[in-house]
PDB file of all heavy atoms in Angstrom:
ATOM      1  N   ALA A   1     118.510  90.667 106.124  1.00  0.00           N
ATOM      2  CA  ALA A   1     117.364  90.016 105.469  1.00  0.00           C
ATOM      3  C   ALA A   1     117.415  88.506 105.656  1.00  0.00           C
ATOM      4  O   ALA A   1     116.433  87.888 105.856  1.00  0.00           O
ATOM      5  CB  ALA A   1     117.242  90.448 104.085  1.00  0.00           C
ATOM      6  N   GLU A   2     118.585  87.937 105.423  1.00  0.00           N
ATOM      7  CA  GLU A   2     118.764  86.544 105.482  1.00  0.00           C
ATOM      8  C   GLU A   2     118.662  86.139 106.880  1.00  0.00           C
ATOM      9  O   GLU A   2     118.076  85.000 107.267  1.00  0.00           O
ATOM     10  CB  GLU A   2     120.086  86.064 104.859  1.00  0.00           C
ATOM     11  CG  GLU A   2     120.144  86.304 103.387  1.00  0.00           C
ATOM     12  CD  GLU A   2     121.468  85.934 102.796  1.00  0.00           C
ATOM     13  OE1 GLU A   2     122.488  86.025 103.495  1.00  0.00           O
ATOM     14  OE2 GLU A   2     121.519  85.578 101.583  1.00  0.00           O
ATOM     15  N   GLY A   3     119.206  86.832 107.842  1.00  0.00           N
ATOM     16  CA  GLY A   3     119.359  86.472 109.225  1.00  0.00           C
ATOM     17  C   GLY A   3     118.011  86.531 109.969  1.00  0.00           C
ATOM     18  O   GLY A   3     117.755  85.817 110.981  1.00  0.00           O
ATOM     19  N   GLU A   4     117.055  87.455 109.533  1.00  0.00           N
ATOM     20  CA  GLU A   4     115.817  87.630 110.155  1.00  0.00           C
ATOM     21  C   GLU A   4     114.782  86.545 109.697  1.00  0.00           C
ATOM     22  O   GLU A   4     113.599  86.646 110.106  1.00  0.00           O
ATOM     23  CB  GLU A   4     115.255  89.015 109.939  1.00  0.00           C
ATOM     24  CG  GLU A   4     116.061  90.065 110.748  1.00  0.00           C
ATOM     25  CD  GLU A   4     115.426  91.477 110.553  1.00  0.00           C
ATOM     26  OE1 GLU A   4     114.514  91.604 109.749  1.00  0.00           O
ATOM     27  OE2 GLU A   4     115.842  92.334 111.344  1.00  0.00           O
ATOM     28  N   GLY A   5     115.200  85.636 108.895  1.00  0.00           N
ATOM     29  CA  GLY A   5     114.286  84.583 108.512  1.00  0.00           C
ATOM     30  C   GLY A   5     113.380  84.850 107.333  1.00  0.00           C
ATOM     31  O   GLY A   5     112.430  84.131 107.092  1.00  0.00           O
ATOM     32  N   SER A   6     113.604  85.950 106.556  1.00  0.00           N
ATOM     33  CA  SER A   6     112.790  86.231 105.449  1.00  0.00           C
ATOM     34  C   SER A   6     112.999  85.265 104.260  1.00  0.00           C
ATOM     35  O   SER A   6     112.107  85.043 103.511  1.00  0.00           O
ATOM     36  CB  SER A   6     112.980  87.678 104.957  1.00  0.00           C
ATOM     37  OG  SER A   6     114.381  87.830 104.497  1.00  0.00           O
ATOM     38  N   GLY A   7     114.162  84.687 104.273  1.00  0.00           N
ATOM     39  CA  GLY A   7     114.462  83.601 103.266  1.00  0.00           C
ATOM     40  C   GLY A   7     115.142  84.046 102.025  1.00  0.00           C
ATOM     41  O   GLY A   7     115.614  83.234 101.277  1.00  0.00           O
ATOM     42  N   TYR A   8     115.196  85.428 101.794  1.00  0.00           N
ATOM     43  CA  TYR A   8     115.826  85.864 100.598  1.00  0.00           C
ATOM     44  C   TYR A   8     116.520  87.196 100.833  1.00  0.00           C
ATOM     45  O   TYR A   8     115.980  88.035 101.556  1.00  0.00           O
ATOM     46  CB  TYR A   8     114.881  85.892  99.373  1.00  0.00           C
ATOM     47  CG  TYR A   8     113.542  86.683  99.695  1.00  0.00           C
ATOM     48  CD1 TYR A   8     113.517  88.039  99.288  1.00  0.00           C
ATOM     49  CD2 TYR A   8     112.490  86.036 100.228  1.00  0.00           C
ATOM     50  CE1 TYR A   8     112.321  88.706  99.577  1.00  0.00           C
ATOM     51  CE2 TYR A   8     111.313  86.733 100.503  1.00  0.00           C
ATOM     52  CZ  TYR A   8     111.225  88.054 100.203  1.00  0.00           C
ATOM     53  OH  TYR A   8     110.122  88.794 100.411  1.00  0.00           O
ATOM     54  N   PRO A   9     117.696  87.457 100.227  1.00  0.00           N
ATOM     55  CA  PRO A   9     118.444  88.637 100.571  1.00  0.00           C
ATOM     56  C   PRO A   9     117.897  89.973  99.949  1.00  0.00           C
ATOM     57  O   PRO A   9     118.291  90.972 100.401  1.00  0.00           O
ATOM     58  CB  PRO A   9     119.854  88.348  99.882  1.00  0.00           C
ATOM     59  CG  PRO A   9     119.554  87.351  98.765  1.00  0.00           C
ATOM     60  CD  PRO A   9     118.348  86.555  99.239  1.00  0.00           C
ATOM     61  N   THR A  10     116.873  89.901  99.056  1.00  0.00           N
ATOM     62  CA  THR A  10     116.354  91.110  98.497  1.00  0.00           C
ATOM     63  C   THR A  10     115.136  91.566  99.172  1.00  0.00           C
ATOM     64  O   THR A  10     114.409  92.430  98.702  1.00  0.00           O
ATOM     65  CB  THR A  10     116.044  90.915  96.989  1.00  0.00           C
ATOM     66  OG1 THR A  10     115.083  89.657  96.839  1.00  0.00           O
ATOM     67  CG2 THR A  10     117.235  90.510  96.163  1.00  0.00           C
ATOM     68  N   TYR A  11     114.921  91.024 100.338  1.00  0.00           N
ATOM     69  CA  TYR A  11     113.655  91.441 101.082  1.00  0.00           C
ATOM     70  C   TYR A  11     113.552  92.916 101.207  1.00  0.00           C
ATOM     71  O   TYR A  11     112.504  93.538 100.883  1.00  0.00           O
ATOM     72  CB  TYR A  11     113.606  90.699 102.497  1.00  0.00           C
ATOM     73  CG  TYR A  11     112.495  91.047 103.308  1.00  0.00           C
ATOM     74  CD1 TYR A  11     111.212  90.644 103.131  1.00  0.00           C
ATOM     75  CD2 TYR A  11     112.665  91.969 104.383  1.00  0.00           C
ATOM     76  CE1 TYR A  11     110.136  90.931 103.956  1.00  0.00           C
ATOM     77  CE2 TYR A  11     111.609  92.394 105.202  1.00  0.00           C
ATOM     78  CZ  TYR A  11     110.355  91.856 104.953  1.00  0.00           C
ATOM     79  OH  TYR A  11     109.276  92.190 105.788  1.00  0.00           O
ATOM     80  N   PHE A  12     114.618  93.550 101.818  1.00  0.00           N
ATOM     81  CA  PHE A  12     114.487  94.987 102.055  1.00  0.00           C
ATOM     82  C   PHE A  12     114.641  95.806 100.788  1.00  0.00           C
ATOM     83  O   PHE A  12     114.052  96.851 100.665  1.00  0.00           O
ATOM     84  CB  PHE A  12     115.643  95.411 103.053  1.00  0.00           C
ATOM     85  CG  PHE A  12     115.371  94.921 104.467  1.00  0.00           C
ATOM     86  CD1 PHE A  12     116.049  93.828 105.008  1.00  0.00           C
ATOM     87  CD2 PHE A  12     114.385  95.499 105.284  1.00  0.00           C
ATOM     88  CE1 PHE A  12     115.779  93.390 106.276  1.00  0.00           C
ATOM     89  CE2 PHE A  12     114.193  95.118 106.568  1.00  0.00           C
ATOM     90  CZ  PHE A  12     114.804  94.017 107.060  1.00  0.00           C
ATOM     91  N   LEU A  13     115.385  95.262  99.798  1.00  0.00           N
ATOM     92  CA  LEU A  13     115.520  95.961  98.474  1.00  0.00           C
ATOM     93  C   LEU A  13     114.229  96.112  97.852  1.00  0.00           C
ATOM     94  O   LEU A  13     113.839  97.176  97.349  1.00  0.00           O
ATOM     95  CB  LEU A  13     116.491  95.153  97.612  1.00  0.00           C
ATOM     96  CG  LEU A  13     116.509  95.694  96.177  1.00  0.00           C
ATOM     97  CD1 LEU A  13     117.136  97.034  96.105  1.00  0.00           C
ATOM     98  CD2 LEU A  13     117.340  94.625  95.227  1.00  0.00           C
ATOM     99  N   ILE A  14     113.396  94.987  97.822  1.00  0.00           N
ATOM    100  CA  ILE A  14     112.089  95.045  97.148  1.00  0.00           C
ATOM    101  C   ILE A  14     111.079  96.037  97.858  1.00  0.00           C
ATOM    102  O   ILE A  14     110.467  96.850  97.161  1.00  0.00           O
ATOM    103  CB  ILE A  14     111.448  93.648  97.104  1.00  0.00           C
ATOM    104  CG1 ILE A  14     112.254  92.799  96.173  1.00  0.00           C
ATOM    105  CG2 ILE A  14     109.982  93.751  96.657  1.00  0.00           C
ATOM    106  CD1 ILE A  14     111.882  91.295  96.233  1.00  0.00           C
ATOM    107  N   ARG A  15     111.178  96.002  99.171  1.00  0.00           N
ATOM    108  CA  ARG A  15     110.300  96.962  99.902  1.00  0.00           C
ATOM    109  C   ARG A  15     110.715  98.406  99.759  1.00  0.00           C
ATOM    110  O   ARG A  15     109.885  99.312  99.595  1.00  0.00           O
ATOM    111  CB  ARG A  15     110.337  96.517 101.427  1.00  0.00           C
ATOM    112  CG  ARG A  15     109.660  95.178 101.759  1.00  0.00           C
ATOM    113  CD  ARG A  15     109.747  94.833 103.183  1.00  0.00           C
ATOM    114  NE  ARG A  15     108.969  95.692 104.014  1.00  0.00           N
ATOM    115  CZ  ARG A  15     107.725  95.580 104.332  1.00  0.00           C
ATOM    116  NH1 ARG A  15     107.067  94.483 103.847  1.00  0.00           N
ATOM    117  NH2 ARG A  15     107.086  96.347 105.155  1.00  0.00           N
ATOM    118  N   HIS A  16     112.020  98.594  99.791  1.00  0.00           N
ATOM    119  CA  HIS A  16     112.582  99.968  99.644  1.00  0.00           C
ATOM    120  C   HIS A  16     112.207 100.496  98.248  1.00  0.00           C
ATOM    121  O   HIS A  16     111.902 101.732  98.085  1.00  0.00           O
ATOM    122  CB  HIS A  16     114.120 100.037  99.885  1.00  0.00           C
ATOM    123  CG  HIS A  16     114.575 101.379  99.951  1.00  0.00           C
ATOM    124  ND1 HIS A  16     114.319 102.244 101.083  1.00  0.00           N
ATOM    125  CD2 HIS A  16     115.419 102.129  99.227  1.00  0.00           C
ATOM    126  CE1 HIS A  16     114.912 103.353 100.887  1.00  0.00           C
ATOM    127  NE2 HIS A  16     115.650 103.374  99.721  1.00  0.00           N
ATOM    128  N   ALA A  17     112.427  99.690  97.255  1.00  0.00           N
ATOM    129  CA  ALA A  17     112.040 100.030  95.820  1.00  0.00           C
ATOM    130  C   ALA A  17     110.580 100.374  95.765  1.00  0.00           C
ATOM    131  O   ALA A  17     110.206 101.403  95.048  1.00  0.00           O
ATOM    132  CB  ALA A  17     112.399  98.864  94.868  1.00  0.00           C
ATOM    133  N   ALA A  18     109.778  99.670  96.450  1.00  0.00           N
ATOM    134  CA  ALA A  18     108.352  99.926  96.380  1.00  0.00           C
ATOM    135  C   ALA A  18     107.998 101.273  97.075  1.00  0.00           C
ATOM    136  O   ALA A  18     107.205 102.102  96.614  1.00  0.00           O
ATOM    137  CB  ALA A  18     107.485  98.782  97.179  1.00  0.00           C
ATOM    138  N   TYR A  19     108.768 101.633  98.192  1.00  0.00           N
ATOM    139  CA  TYR A  19     108.560 102.880  98.916  1.00  0.00           C
ATOM    140  C   TYR A  19     109.014 104.047  97.942  1.00  0.00           C
ATOM    141  O   TYR A  19     108.337 105.081  97.945  1.00  0.00           O
ATOM    142  CB  TYR A  19     109.462 102.899 100.156  1.00  0.00           C
ATOM    143  CG  TYR A  19     109.028 101.884 101.227  1.00  0.00           C
ATOM    144  CD1 TYR A  19     109.949 101.340 102.050  1.00  0.00           C
ATOM    145  CD2 TYR A  19     107.695 101.512 101.349  1.00  0.00           C
ATOM    146  CE1 TYR A  19     109.593 100.487 103.088  1.00  0.00           C
ATOM    147  CE2 TYR A  19     107.349 100.592 102.295  1.00  0.00           C
ATOM    148  CZ  TYR A  19     108.234 100.108 103.150  1.00  0.00           C
ATOM    149  OH  TYR A  19     107.859  99.198 104.132  1.00  0.00           O
ATOM    150  N   VAL A  20     110.142 103.853  97.266  1.00  0.00           N
ATOM    151  CA  VAL A  20     110.616 104.925  96.363  1.00  0.00           C
ATOM    152  C   VAL A  20     109.552 105.132  95.196  1.00  0.00           C
ATOM    153  O   VAL A  20     109.274 106.292  94.894  1.00  0.00           O
ATOM    154  CB  VAL A  20     112.021 104.514  95.703  1.00  0.00           C
ATOM    155  CG1 VAL A  20     112.419 105.508  94.621  1.00  0.00           C
ATOM    156  CG2 VAL A  20     113.093 104.512  96.846  1.00  0.00           C
ATOM    157  N   ALA A  21     109.076 104.010  94.692  1.00  0.00           N
ATOM    158  CA  ALA A  21     108.025 104.167  93.608  1.00  0.00           C
ATOM    159  C   ALA A  21     106.870 104.911  94.185  1.00  0.00           C
ATOM    160  O   ALA A  21     106.285 105.853  93.419  1.00  0.00           O
ATOM    161  CB  ALA A  21     107.680 102.820  93.128  1.00  0.00           C
ATOM    162  N   ALA A  22     106.414 104.569  95.364  1.00  0.00           N
ATOM    163  CA  ALA A  22     105.225 105.255  95.965  1.00  0.00           C
ATOM    164  C   ALA A  22     105.552 106.697  96.272  1.00  0.00           C
ATOM    165  O   ALA A  22     104.705 107.629  96.041  1.00  0.00           O
ATOM    166  CB  ALA A  22     104.877 104.622  97.342  1.00  0.00           C
ATOM    167  N   GLY A  23     106.745 106.960  96.636  1.00  0.00           N
ATOM    168  CA  GLY A  23     107.195 108.398  96.940  1.00  0.00           C
ATOM    169  C   GLY A  23     107.181 109.248  95.631  1.00  0.00           C
ATOM    170  O   GLY A  23     106.690 110.375  95.695  1.00  0.00           O
ATOM    171  N   LEU A  24     107.648 108.629  94.576  1.00  0.00           N
ATOM    172  CA  LEU A  24     107.590 109.352  93.277  1.00  0.00           C
ATOM    173  C   LEU A  24     106.269 109.597  92.783  1.00  0.00           C
ATOM    174  O   LEU A  24     105.934 110.643  92.248  1.00  0.00           O
ATOM    175  CB  LEU A  24     108.505 108.559  92.239  1.00  0.00           C
ATOM    176  CG  LEU A  24     110.005 108.465  92.564  1.00  0.00           C
ATOM    177  CD1 LEU A  24     110.647 107.599  91.600  1.00  0.00           C
ATOM    178  CD2 LEU A  24     110.657 109.882  92.560  1.00  0.00           C
ATOM    179  N   LEU A  25     105.373 108.604  92.922  1.00  0.00           N
ATOM    180  CA  LEU A  25     103.955 108.808  92.511  1.00  0.00           C
ATOM    181  C   LEU A  25     103.279 109.919  93.338  1.00  0.00           C
ATOM    182  O   LEU A  25     102.623 110.771  92.813  1.00  0.00           O
ATOM    183  CB  LEU A  25     103.285 107.422  92.752  1.00  0.00           C
ATOM    184  CG  LEU A  25     101.759 107.453  92.360  1.00  0.00           C
ATOM    185  CD1 LEU A  25     101.578 107.786  90.843  1.00  0.00           C
ATOM    186  CD2 LEU A  25     101.073 106.079  92.632  1.00  0.00           C
ATOM    187  N   VAL A  26     103.491 109.872  94.644  1.00  0.00           N
ATOM    188  CA  VAL A  26     102.928 110.882  95.503  1.00  0.00           C
ATOM    189  C   VAL A  26     103.537 112.208  95.103  1.00  0.00           C
ATOM    190  O   VAL A  26     102.746 113.317  95.105  1.00  0.00           O
ATOM    191  CB  VAL A  26     103.264 110.569  96.951  1.00  0.00           C
ATOM    192  CG1 VAL A  26     102.886 111.766  97.865  1.00  0.00           C
ATOM    193  CG2 VAL A  26     102.467 109.447  97.448  1.00  0.00           C
ATOM    194  N   ALA A  27     104.735 112.326  94.836  1.00  0.00           N
ATOM    195  CA  ALA A  27     105.390 113.549  94.386  1.00  0.00           C
ATOM    196  C   ALA A  27     104.796 114.152  93.083  1.00  0.00           C
ATOM    197  O   ALA A  27     104.541 115.370  92.945  1.00  0.00           O
ATOM    198  CB  ALA A  27     106.875 113.409  94.096  1.00  0.00           C
TER     199      ALA A  27
END
């Protein structure tokens, strides 16, 4: 996340958490 220029280390964590939340809602 830091190396790809997003600027913060939680870039993928936030997106993944959003995916999990969406998955639980769909479920």
